């Protein structure tokens, strides 16, 4: 078979979630004279959020809900209770304003000349639209697991994405990175 489409995991591959969220924690902490290992707090926040979302089937919640709920848990567990509701809201809203890796917009444009290129993500549709507009990312489609009802890595999520693209799964390359931050 010929490769026809690239499906990019957006949150963990395209966006600098760690840098953006860690800076948001540090900024809020500085306002309240809090000192913490902000990268470690960020990593725990992301780890817990993913654990709650991965593999879900038609949940009554979405990743935005999980990010907000988990933020409160992490604040409590790391004894960061001095962070106000306003501080927490600012941290949570940072998800909607994350930066893409600087070289990606140009790479995306070049890849779209040869392949169908889609965002295939656990993130909410509205979040991907927001960060895509901010970073000038032009996808051929956004496929959020929120739309399919099946959350990665469930096979049904990938099968539904292939169906919506009218392609065989073998014609789609899933592009994802794993970071050790």
N, C-alpha and C. Protein backbone atom coordinates (compact mmCIF):
# COMPACT_ATOMS: atom_id res chain seq x y z
N UNK A 1 0.83 -1.19 0.00
CA UNK A 1 0.00 0.00 0.00
C UNK A 1 0.87 1.25 0.00
N UNK A 2 0.30 2.31 -0.47
CA UNK A 2 0.98 3.60 -0.53
C UNK A 2 0.56 4.44 0.66
N UNK A 3 1.50 5.12 1.27
CA UNK A 3 1.20 6.02 2.36
C UNK A 3 0.48 7.24 1.80
N UNK A 4 -0.69 7.54 2.35
CA UNK A 4 -1.49 8.65 1.84
C UNK A 4 -1.75 9.74 2.88
N UNK A 5 -1.64 9.39 4.16
CA UNK A 5 -1.96 10.37 5.20
C UNK A 5 -1.03 10.24 6.39
N UNK A 6 -0.83 11.37 7.04
CA UNK A 6 -0.08 11.43 8.29
C UNK A 6 -1.03 11.93 9.37
N UNK A 7 -1.10 11.21 10.48
CA UNK A 7 -1.96 11.59 11.59
C UNK A 7 -1.07 11.95 12.77
N UNK A 8 -1.04 13.23 13.12
CA UNK A 8 -0.15 13.72 14.16
C UNK A 8 -0.83 13.74 15.52
N UNK A 9 -0.21 13.06 16.47
CA UNK A 9 -0.59 13.24 17.87
C UNK A 9 -0.23 14.69 18.19
N UNK A 10 -1.18 15.46 18.59
CA UNK A 10 -0.97 16.90 18.67
C UNK A 10 -0.41 17.35 20.02
N UNK A 11 -1.04 16.94 21.10
CA UNK A 11 -0.62 17.43 22.41
C UNK A 11 0.80 17.07 22.77
N UNK A 12 1.17 15.84 22.58
CA UNK A 12 2.49 15.40 23.00
C UNK A 12 3.57 15.52 21.95
N UNK A 13 3.20 15.84 20.72
CA UNK A 13 4.18 15.85 19.63
C UNK A 13 4.35 17.23 19.02
N UNK A 14 3.29 17.95 18.82
CA UNK A 14 3.32 19.23 18.12
C UNK A 14 3.47 20.40 19.08
N UNK A 15 2.89 20.28 20.26
CA UNK A 15 2.85 21.39 21.21
C UNK A 15 3.89 21.23 22.31
N UNK A 16 4.47 22.35 22.69
CA UNK A 16 5.39 22.36 23.83
C UNK A 16 4.57 22.50 25.11
N UNK A 17 3.84 21.46 25.44
CA UNK A 17 2.97 21.49 26.62
C UNK A 17 3.80 21.66 27.88
N UNK A 18 4.96 21.01 27.95
CA UNK A 18 5.75 21.05 29.17
C UNK A 18 6.27 22.45 29.47
N UNK A 19 6.84 23.09 28.45
CA UNK A 19 7.35 24.44 28.65
C UNK A 19 6.24 25.42 29.00
N UNK A 20 5.13 25.35 28.26
CA UNK A 20 4.03 26.29 28.48
C UNK A 20 3.38 26.13 29.84
N UNK A 21 3.08 24.90 30.22
CA UNK A 21 2.40 24.67 31.50
C UNK A 21 3.35 24.93 32.66
N UNK A 22 4.60 24.53 32.52
CA UNK A 22 5.58 24.77 33.58
C UNK A 22 5.75 26.27 33.82
N UNK A 23 5.83 27.05 32.75
CA UNK A 23 5.93 28.51 32.90
C UNK A 23 4.68 29.09 33.56
N UNK A 24 3.52 28.55 33.22
CA UNK A 24 2.27 29.04 33.83
C UNK A 24 2.26 28.76 35.33
N UNK A 25 2.69 27.56 35.72
CA UNK A 25 2.79 27.25 37.15
C UNK A 25 3.77 28.20 37.83
N UNK A 26 4.94 28.39 37.23
CA UNK A 26 5.97 29.25 37.83
C UNK A 26 5.48 30.69 37.98
N UNK A 27 4.79 31.19 36.97
CA UNK A 27 4.28 32.56 37.01
C UNK A 27 3.24 32.72 38.13
N UNK A 28 2.32 31.77 38.22
CA UNK A 28 1.32 31.82 39.28
C UNK A 28 1.98 31.66 40.65
N UNK A 29 2.94 30.76 40.73
CA UNK A 29 3.65 30.55 42.00
C UNK A 29 4.40 31.80 42.43
N UNK A 30 5.02 32.48 41.51
CA UNK A 30 5.77 33.70 41.84
C UNK A 30 4.84 34.77 42.41
N UNK A 31 3.61 34.85 41.88
CA UNK A 31 2.64 35.83 42.40
C UNK A 31 2.28 35.54 43.85
N UNK A 32 2.40 34.29 44.26
CA UNK A 32 2.01 33.89 45.62
C UNK A 32 3.22 33.53 46.48
N UNK A 33 4.43 33.87 46.00
CA UNK A 33 5.68 33.57 46.73
C UNK A 33 5.84 32.08 47.01
N UNK A 34 5.43 31.27 46.06
CA UNK A 34 5.60 29.82 46.18
C UNK A 34 6.84 29.38 45.41
N UNK A 35 7.55 28.45 46.00
CA UNK A 35 8.71 27.86 45.34
C UNK A 35 8.44 26.37 45.23
N UNK A 36 8.62 25.83 44.05
CA UNK A 36 8.41 24.40 43.83
C UNK A 36 9.23 23.97 42.63
N UNK A 37 9.35 22.68 42.46
CA UNK A 37 9.99 22.13 41.27
C UNK A 37 8.91 22.12 40.19
N UNK A 38 8.76 23.26 39.51
CA UNK A 38 7.66 23.43 38.55
C UNK A 38 7.69 22.41 37.44
N UNK A 39 8.86 22.03 36.89
CA UNK A 39 8.84 20.95 35.88
C UNK A 39 8.30 19.63 36.44
N UNK A 40 8.63 19.31 37.69
CA UNK A 40 8.11 18.07 38.29
C UNK A 40 6.60 18.16 38.51
N UNK A 41 6.13 19.32 38.97
CA UNK A 41 4.70 19.52 39.15
C UNK A 41 3.98 19.35 37.80
N UNK A 42 4.56 19.95 36.77
CA UNK A 42 3.98 19.86 35.42
C UNK A 42 3.93 18.42 34.94
N UNK A 43 5.01 17.69 35.12
CA UNK A 43 5.04 16.29 34.69
C UNK A 43 3.99 15.46 35.40
N UNK A 44 3.81 15.70 36.69
CA UNK A 44 2.81 14.94 37.44
C UNK A 44 1.40 15.31 36.98
N UNK A 45 1.19 16.58 36.72
CA UNK A 45 -0.10 17.05 36.22
C UNK A 45 -0.44 16.35 34.90
N UNK A 46 0.50 16.32 33.99
CA UNK A 46 0.28 15.67 32.69
C UNK A 46 0.09 14.16 32.84
N UNK A 47 0.92 13.54 33.68
CA UNK A 47 0.84 12.09 33.86
C UNK A 47 -0.54 11.70 34.39
N UNK A 48 -1.01 12.41 35.40
CA UNK A 48 -2.31 12.09 35.98
C UNK A 48 -3.44 12.36 35.00
N UNK A 49 -3.34 13.45 34.26
CA UNK A 49 -4.37 13.79 33.28
C UNK A 49 -4.48 12.71 32.21
N UNK A 50 -3.34 12.30 31.68
CA UNK A 50 -3.35 11.26 30.65
C UNK A 50 -3.93 9.96 31.19
N UNK A 51 -3.55 9.61 32.40
CA UNK A 51 -4.03 8.35 32.99
C UNK A 51 -5.56 8.33 33.04
N UNK A 52 -6.18 9.48 33.29
CA UNK A 52 -7.64 9.55 33.37
C UNK A 52 -8.31 9.53 32.00
N UNK A 53 -7.60 9.91 30.95
CA UNK A 53 -8.22 10.08 29.64
C UNK A 53 -7.95 8.92 28.70
N UNK A 54 -6.77 8.36 28.76
CA UNK A 54 -6.36 7.32 27.81
C UNK A 54 -7.27 6.11 27.92
N UNK A 55 -7.73 5.63 26.76
CA UNK A 55 -8.51 4.41 26.68
C UNK A 55 -9.99 4.55 27.02
N UNK A 56 -10.45 5.75 27.27
CA UNK A 56 -11.86 5.94 27.61
C UNK A 56 -12.78 5.63 26.43
N UNK A 57 -14.00 5.23 26.75
CA UNK A 57 -15.05 5.02 25.74
C UNK A 57 -16.24 5.89 26.14
N UNK A 58 -16.60 6.81 25.25
CA UNK A 58 -17.74 7.71 25.46
C UNK A 58 -17.83 8.25 26.89
N UNK A 59 -16.77 8.86 27.37
CA UNK A 59 -16.84 9.38 28.75
C UNK A 59 -17.82 10.55 28.85
N UNK A 60 -18.30 10.78 30.03
CA UNK A 60 -19.22 11.90 30.29
C UNK A 60 -18.43 13.19 30.53
N UNK A 61 -17.14 13.14 30.29
CA UNK A 61 -16.25 14.28 30.49
C UNK A 61 -15.31 14.36 29.30
N UNK A 62 -14.60 15.48 29.18
CA UNK A 62 -13.61 15.59 28.11
C UNK A 62 -12.27 15.97 28.72
N UNK A 63 -11.26 16.13 27.86
CA UNK A 63 -9.92 16.38 28.37
C UNK A 63 -9.82 17.74 29.05
N UNK A 64 -10.62 18.71 28.64
CA UNK A 64 -10.64 19.99 29.35
C UNK A 64 -11.08 19.78 30.80
N UNK A 65 -12.13 18.97 30.98
CA UNK A 65 -12.61 18.67 32.34
C UNK A 65 -11.51 17.98 33.16
N UNK A 66 -10.85 17.04 32.54
CA UNK A 66 -9.79 16.29 33.22
C UNK A 66 -8.64 17.22 33.60
N UNK A 67 -8.24 18.09 32.66
CA UNK A 67 -7.16 19.02 32.98
C UNK A 67 -7.53 19.90 34.18
N UNK A 68 -8.77 20.37 34.23
CA UNK A 68 -9.17 21.27 35.31
C UNK A 68 -9.25 20.53 36.64
N UNK A 69 -9.86 19.36 36.64
CA UNK A 69 -10.00 18.57 37.87
C UNK A 69 -8.63 18.13 38.39
N UNK A 70 -7.79 17.67 37.50
CA UNK A 70 -6.47 17.18 37.90
C UNK A 70 -5.60 18.31 38.41
N UNK A 71 -5.76 19.50 37.86
CA UNK A 71 -5.01 20.65 38.35
C UNK A 71 -5.29 20.87 39.84
N UNK A 72 -6.53 20.82 40.24
CA UNK A 72 -6.87 20.99 41.65
C UNK A 72 -6.24 19.90 42.52
N UNK A 73 -6.24 18.67 42.02
CA UNK A 73 -5.64 17.57 42.77
C UNK A 73 -4.13 17.78 42.95
N UNK A 74 -3.47 18.17 41.87
CA UNK A 74 -2.02 18.37 41.93
C UNK A 74 -1.67 19.55 42.84
N UNK A 75 -2.44 20.61 42.76
CA UNK A 75 -2.22 21.76 43.64
C UNK A 75 -2.31 21.31 45.10
N UNK A 76 -3.32 20.53 45.41
CA UNK A 76 -3.48 20.04 46.78
C UNK A 76 -2.33 19.13 47.19
N UNK A 77 -2.00 18.16 46.35
CA UNK A 77 -0.98 17.17 46.70
C UNK A 77 0.42 17.76 46.80
N UNK A 78 0.69 18.83 46.06
CA UNK A 78 1.99 19.49 46.13
C UNK A 78 1.97 20.65 47.13
N UNK A 79 0.88 20.78 47.87
CA UNK A 79 0.71 21.81 48.90
C UNK A 79 0.90 23.22 48.32
N UNK A 80 0.22 23.46 47.23
CA UNK A 80 0.27 24.74 46.55
C UNK A 80 -1.05 25.48 46.72
N UNK A 81 -1.68 25.27 47.86
CA UNK A 81 -3.01 25.82 48.12
C UNK A 81 -3.08 27.34 48.06
N UNK A 82 -1.93 28.01 48.11
CA UNK A 82 -1.92 29.48 47.99
C UNK A 82 -2.33 29.92 46.59
N UNK A 83 -2.31 29.00 45.62
CA UNK A 83 -2.75 29.35 44.28
C UNK A 83 -4.26 29.56 44.31
N UNK A 84 -4.69 30.73 43.92
CA UNK A 84 -6.11 31.10 43.97
C UNK A 84 -6.87 30.46 42.80
N UNK A 85 -8.16 30.59 42.85
CA UNK A 85 -9.00 30.13 41.73
C UNK A 85 -8.61 30.85 40.45
N UNK A 86 -8.27 32.13 40.55
CA UNK A 86 -7.83 32.90 39.39
C UNK A 86 -6.50 32.35 38.85
N UNK A 87 -5.58 32.02 39.74
CA UNK A 87 -4.29 31.44 39.33
C UNK A 87 -4.51 30.11 38.62
N UNK A 88 -5.35 29.29 39.19
CA UNK A 88 -5.61 27.96 38.62
C UNK A 88 -6.28 28.09 37.25
N UNK A 89 -7.19 29.03 37.14
CA UNK A 89 -7.85 29.25 35.85
C UNK A 89 -6.83 29.69 34.80
N UNK A 90 -5.89 30.55 35.19
CA UNK A 90 -4.85 31.00 34.25
C UNK A 90 -3.97 29.82 33.81
N UNK A 91 -3.63 28.95 34.74
CA UNK A 91 -2.83 27.77 34.38
C UNK A 91 -3.63 26.89 33.43
N UNK A 92 -4.88 26.62 33.76
CA UNK A 92 -5.72 25.76 32.92
C UNK A 92 -5.90 26.36 31.53
N UNK A 93 -6.10 27.66 31.43
CA UNK A 93 -6.30 28.31 30.13
C UNK A 93 -5.04 28.29 29.26
N UNK A 94 -3.90 28.06 29.89
CA UNK A 94 -2.65 27.98 29.13
C UNK A 94 -2.70 26.87 28.09
N UNK A 95 -3.45 25.80 28.36
CA UNK A 95 -3.57 24.73 27.38
C UNK A 95 -4.06 25.28 26.03
N UNK A 96 -4.91 26.28 26.06
CA UNK A 96 -5.48 26.85 24.84
C UNK A 96 -4.55 27.84 24.15
N UNK A 97 -3.41 28.11 24.74
CA UNK A 97 -2.47 29.09 24.17
C UNK A 97 -1.06 28.53 24.03
N UNK A 98 -0.93 27.21 24.03
CA UNK A 98 0.40 26.61 23.94
C UNK A 98 1.06 26.92 22.60
N UNK A 99 2.37 26.97 22.64
CA UNK A 99 3.15 27.15 21.42
C UNK A 99 3.44 25.79 20.79
N UNK A 100 3.41 25.77 19.48
CA UNK A 100 3.89 24.60 18.74
C UNK A 100 5.41 24.70 18.69
N UNK A 101 6.05 23.59 18.42
CA UNK A 101 7.49 23.63 18.22
C UNK A 101 7.75 24.55 17.02
N UNK A 102 8.74 25.42 17.11
CA UNK A 102 8.91 26.50 16.13
C UNK A 102 9.04 26.05 14.67
N UNK A 103 9.61 24.89 14.43
CA UNK A 103 9.80 24.46 13.05
C UNK A 103 8.57 23.76 12.47
N UNK A 104 7.58 23.45 13.30
CA UNK A 104 6.48 22.63 12.80
C UNK A 104 5.57 23.30 11.78
N UNK A 105 5.18 24.56 11.92
CA UNK A 105 4.27 25.14 10.92
C UNK A 105 4.80 25.04 9.49
N UNK A 106 6.08 25.30 9.30
CA UNK A 106 6.66 25.18 7.95
C UNK A 106 6.70 23.73 7.49
N UNK A 107 7.03 22.83 8.40
CA UNK A 107 7.07 21.40 8.06
C UNK A 107 5.66 20.92 7.68
N UNK A 108 4.67 21.34 8.44
CA UNK A 108 3.29 20.96 8.15
C UNK A 108 2.89 21.40 6.75
N UNK A 109 3.22 22.63 6.41
CA UNK A 109 2.87 23.14 5.08
C UNK A 109 3.53 22.30 3.98
N UNK A 110 4.77 21.92 4.19
CA UNK A 110 5.46 21.10 3.18
C UNK A 110 4.85 19.70 3.09
N UNK A 111 4.55 19.11 4.23
CA UNK A 111 3.97 17.76 4.24
C UNK A 111 2.61 17.73 3.55
N UNK A 112 1.83 18.80 3.70
CA UNK A 112 0.50 18.85 3.09
C UNK A 112 0.56 18.88 1.57
N UNK A 113 1.71 19.20 1.01
CA UNK A 113 1.85 19.17 -0.45
C UNK A 113 1.85 17.73 -0.97
N UNK A 114 2.19 16.79 -0.11
CA UNK A 114 2.32 15.39 -0.54
C UNK A 114 1.30 14.45 0.10
N UNK A 115 0.87 14.77 1.33
CA UNK A 115 0.01 13.88 2.10
C UNK A 115 -1.21 14.63 2.64
N UNK A 116 -2.24 13.87 2.96
CA UNK A 116 -3.31 14.38 3.81
C UNK A 116 -2.69 14.40 5.21
N UNK A 117 -2.80 15.54 5.88
CA UNK A 117 -2.19 15.66 7.21
C UNK A 117 -3.26 16.09 8.20
N UNK A 118 -3.43 15.28 9.24
CA UNK A 118 -4.48 15.54 10.22
C UNK A 118 -3.92 15.58 11.63
N UNK A 119 -4.60 16.33 12.47
CA UNK A 119 -4.38 16.28 13.90
C UNK A 119 -5.27 15.15 14.42
N UNK A 120 -4.66 14.18 15.06
CA UNK A 120 -5.41 13.06 15.64
C UNK A 120 -5.04 13.01 17.12
N UNK A 121 -5.97 13.39 17.98
CA UNK A 121 -5.58 13.79 19.33
C UNK A 121 -6.57 13.40 20.41
N UNK A 122 -6.06 13.27 21.62
CA UNK A 122 -6.89 13.13 22.80
C UNK A 122 -7.46 14.47 23.25
N UNK A 123 -6.83 15.55 22.84
CA UNK A 123 -7.26 16.89 23.24
C UNK A 123 -8.64 17.20 22.67
N UNK A 124 -9.31 18.17 23.27
CA UNK A 124 -10.62 18.55 22.77
C UNK A 124 -10.49 19.27 21.43
N UNK A 125 -11.54 19.20 20.67
CA UNK A 125 -11.58 19.86 19.37
C UNK A 125 -11.35 21.36 19.52
N UNK A 126 -12.01 21.98 20.49
CA UNK A 126 -11.87 23.42 20.67
C UNK A 126 -10.44 23.81 21.04
N UNK A 127 -9.77 22.99 21.83
CA UNK A 127 -8.38 23.28 22.19
C UNK A 127 -7.49 23.22 20.95
N UNK A 128 -7.66 22.19 20.13
CA UNK A 128 -6.83 22.05 18.92
C UNK A 128 -7.10 23.20 17.95
N UNK A 129 -8.34 23.60 17.83
CA UNK A 129 -8.64 24.76 16.97
C UNK A 129 -7.90 25.99 17.50
N UNK A 130 -7.96 26.21 18.79
CA UNK A 130 -7.33 27.38 19.39
C UNK A 130 -5.82 27.40 19.16
N UNK A 131 -5.14 26.30 19.49
CA UNK A 131 -3.68 26.29 19.32
C UNK A 131 -3.28 26.27 17.85
N UNK A 132 -4.12 25.69 17.02
CA UNK A 132 -3.82 25.69 15.58
C UNK A 132 -3.89 27.10 15.02
N UNK A 133 -4.91 27.84 15.40
CA UNK A 133 -5.03 29.23 14.93
C UNK A 133 -3.87 30.07 15.46
N UNK A 134 -3.54 29.89 16.73
CA UNK A 134 -2.46 30.66 17.35
C UNK A 134 -1.12 30.42 16.64
N UNK A 135 -0.89 29.17 16.26
CA UNK A 135 0.40 28.77 15.68
C UNK A 135 0.39 28.67 14.15
N UNK A 136 -0.71 29.10 13.52
CA UNK A 136 -0.84 29.08 12.06
C UNK A 136 -0.67 27.67 11.49
N UNK A 137 -1.31 26.70 12.16
CA UNK A 137 -1.28 25.31 11.71
C UNK A 137 -2.51 25.06 10.86
N UNK A 138 -2.31 24.66 9.64
CA UNK A 138 -3.42 24.37 8.73
C UNK A 138 -3.46 22.87 8.47
N UNK A 139 -4.37 22.23 9.16
CA UNK A 139 -4.57 20.78 9.02
C UNK A 139 -5.58 20.53 7.91
N UNK A 140 -5.51 19.33 7.32
CA UNK A 140 -6.57 18.92 6.41
C UNK A 140 -7.81 18.52 7.20
N UNK A 141 -7.61 18.08 8.43
CA UNK A 141 -8.72 17.75 9.32
C UNK A 141 -8.21 17.68 10.75
N UNK A 142 -9.13 17.89 11.67
CA UNK A 142 -8.86 17.65 13.08
C UNK A 142 -9.77 16.50 13.49
N UNK A 143 -9.17 15.46 14.02
CA UNK A 143 -9.94 14.33 14.54
C UNK A 143 -9.58 14.18 16.01
N UNK A 144 -10.51 14.61 16.83
CA UNK A 144 -10.33 14.48 18.27
C UNK A 144 -11.01 13.19 18.71
N UNK A 145 -10.38 12.50 19.63
CA UNK A 145 -11.02 11.30 20.17
C UNK A 145 -12.35 11.66 20.82
N UNK A 146 -12.49 12.91 21.21
CA UNK A 146 -13.76 13.42 21.73
C UNK A 146 -14.85 13.21 20.67
N UNK A 147 -14.51 13.33 19.41
CA UNK A 147 -15.47 13.18 18.32
C UNK A 147 -15.81 11.71 18.07
N UNK A 148 -14.82 10.85 18.18
CA UNK A 148 -15.04 9.44 17.87
C UNK A 148 -15.70 8.68 19.00
N UNK A 149 -15.52 9.17 20.24
CA UNK A 149 -16.03 8.46 21.41
C UNK A 149 -15.06 7.42 21.93
N UNK A 150 -14.03 7.12 21.15
CA UNK A 150 -13.02 6.14 21.55
C UNK A 150 -11.69 6.88 21.69
N UNK A 151 -11.05 6.69 22.84
CA UNK A 151 -9.81 7.41 23.10
C UNK A 151 -8.60 6.50 22.93
N UNK A 152 -7.61 7.06 22.25
CA UNK A 152 -6.37 6.31 22.04
C UNK A 152 -5.89 5.76 23.38
N UNK A 153 -5.30 4.60 23.36
CA UNK A 153 -4.89 3.77 22.23
C UNK A 153 -5.90 2.70 21.82
N UNK A 154 -7.15 2.90 22.11
CA UNK A 154 -8.16 1.92 21.69
C UNK A 154 -8.15 1.80 20.17
N UNK A 155 -8.15 0.61 19.63
CA UNK A 155 -8.11 0.42 18.17
C UNK A 155 -9.28 1.09 17.45
N UNK A 156 -10.43 1.17 18.12
CA UNK A 156 -11.60 1.78 17.49
C UNK A 156 -11.36 3.25 17.12
N UNK A 157 -10.53 3.93 17.91
CA UNK A 157 -10.21 5.34 17.61
C UNK A 157 -9.49 5.44 16.27
N UNK A 158 -8.52 4.58 16.06
CA UNK A 158 -7.75 4.58 14.82
C UNK A 158 -8.61 4.12 13.64
N UNK A 159 -9.44 3.12 13.88
CA UNK A 159 -10.32 2.63 12.82
C UNK A 159 -11.31 3.70 12.38
N UNK A 160 -11.85 4.44 13.35
CA UNK A 160 -12.81 5.50 13.02
C UNK A 160 -12.12 6.62 12.25
N UNK A 161 -10.92 6.98 12.64
CA UNK A 161 -10.17 8.01 11.92
C UNK A 161 -9.93 7.58 10.48
N UNK A 162 -9.53 6.34 10.28
CA UNK A 162 -9.30 5.84 8.92
C UNK A 162 -10.60 5.86 8.11
N UNK A 163 -11.69 5.45 8.74
CA UNK A 163 -13.00 5.46 8.07
C UNK A 163 -13.35 6.88 7.63
N UNK A 164 -13.19 7.85 8.52
CA UNK A 164 -13.53 9.24 8.20
C UNK A 164 -12.64 9.80 7.10
N UNK A 165 -11.42 9.30 6.99
CA UNK A 165 -10.51 9.75 5.93
C UNK A 165 -10.69 8.94 4.65
N UNK A 166 -11.57 7.95 4.69
CA UNK A 166 -11.82 7.05 3.55
C UNK A 166 -10.53 6.38 3.10
N UNK A 167 -9.74 5.94 4.07
CA UNK A 167 -8.47 5.28 3.79
C UNK A 167 -8.40 3.98 4.58
N UNK A 168 -7.58 3.06 4.08
CA UNK A 168 -7.28 1.87 4.84
C UNK A 168 -6.29 2.26 5.94
N UNK A 169 -6.38 1.65 7.11
CA UNK A 169 -5.45 2.00 8.18
C UNK A 169 -3.97 1.92 7.76
N UNK A 170 -3.67 1.00 6.86
CA UNK A 170 -2.30 0.82 6.40
C UNK A 170 -1.81 2.00 5.56
N UNK A 171 -2.72 2.85 5.13
CA UNK A 171 -2.35 4.02 4.32
C UNK A 171 -2.08 5.26 5.17
N UNK A 172 -2.18 5.10 6.51
CA UNK A 172 -2.02 6.23 7.42
C UNK A 172 -0.85 5.95 8.36
N UNK A 173 0.02 6.93 8.47
CA UNK A 173 1.14 6.83 9.42
C UNK A 173 0.81 7.69 10.63
N UNK A 174 0.81 7.07 11.81
CA UNK A 174 0.60 7.80 13.06
C UNK A 174 1.95 8.38 13.48
N UNK A 175 2.00 9.69 13.65
CA UNK A 175 3.23 10.38 14.01
C UNK A 175 3.12 10.85 15.45
N UNK A 176 3.96 10.30 16.31
CA UNK A 176 3.91 10.64 17.73
C UNK A 176 5.31 10.56 18.31
N UNK A 177 5.55 11.39 19.30
CA UNK A 177 6.83 11.34 19.98
C UNK A 177 6.59 11.10 21.46
N UNK A 178 7.59 10.54 22.06
CA UNK A 178 7.56 10.34 23.50
C UNK A 178 8.73 11.13 24.07
N UNK A 179 8.42 11.98 25.05
CA UNK A 179 9.47 12.80 25.64
C UNK A 179 9.76 12.31 27.04
N UNK A 180 10.91 12.66 27.52
CA UNK A 180 11.29 12.23 28.86
C UNK A 180 11.35 13.41 29.81
N UNK A 181 10.64 14.50 29.49
CA UNK A 181 10.65 15.66 30.40
C UNK A 181 9.87 15.40 31.64
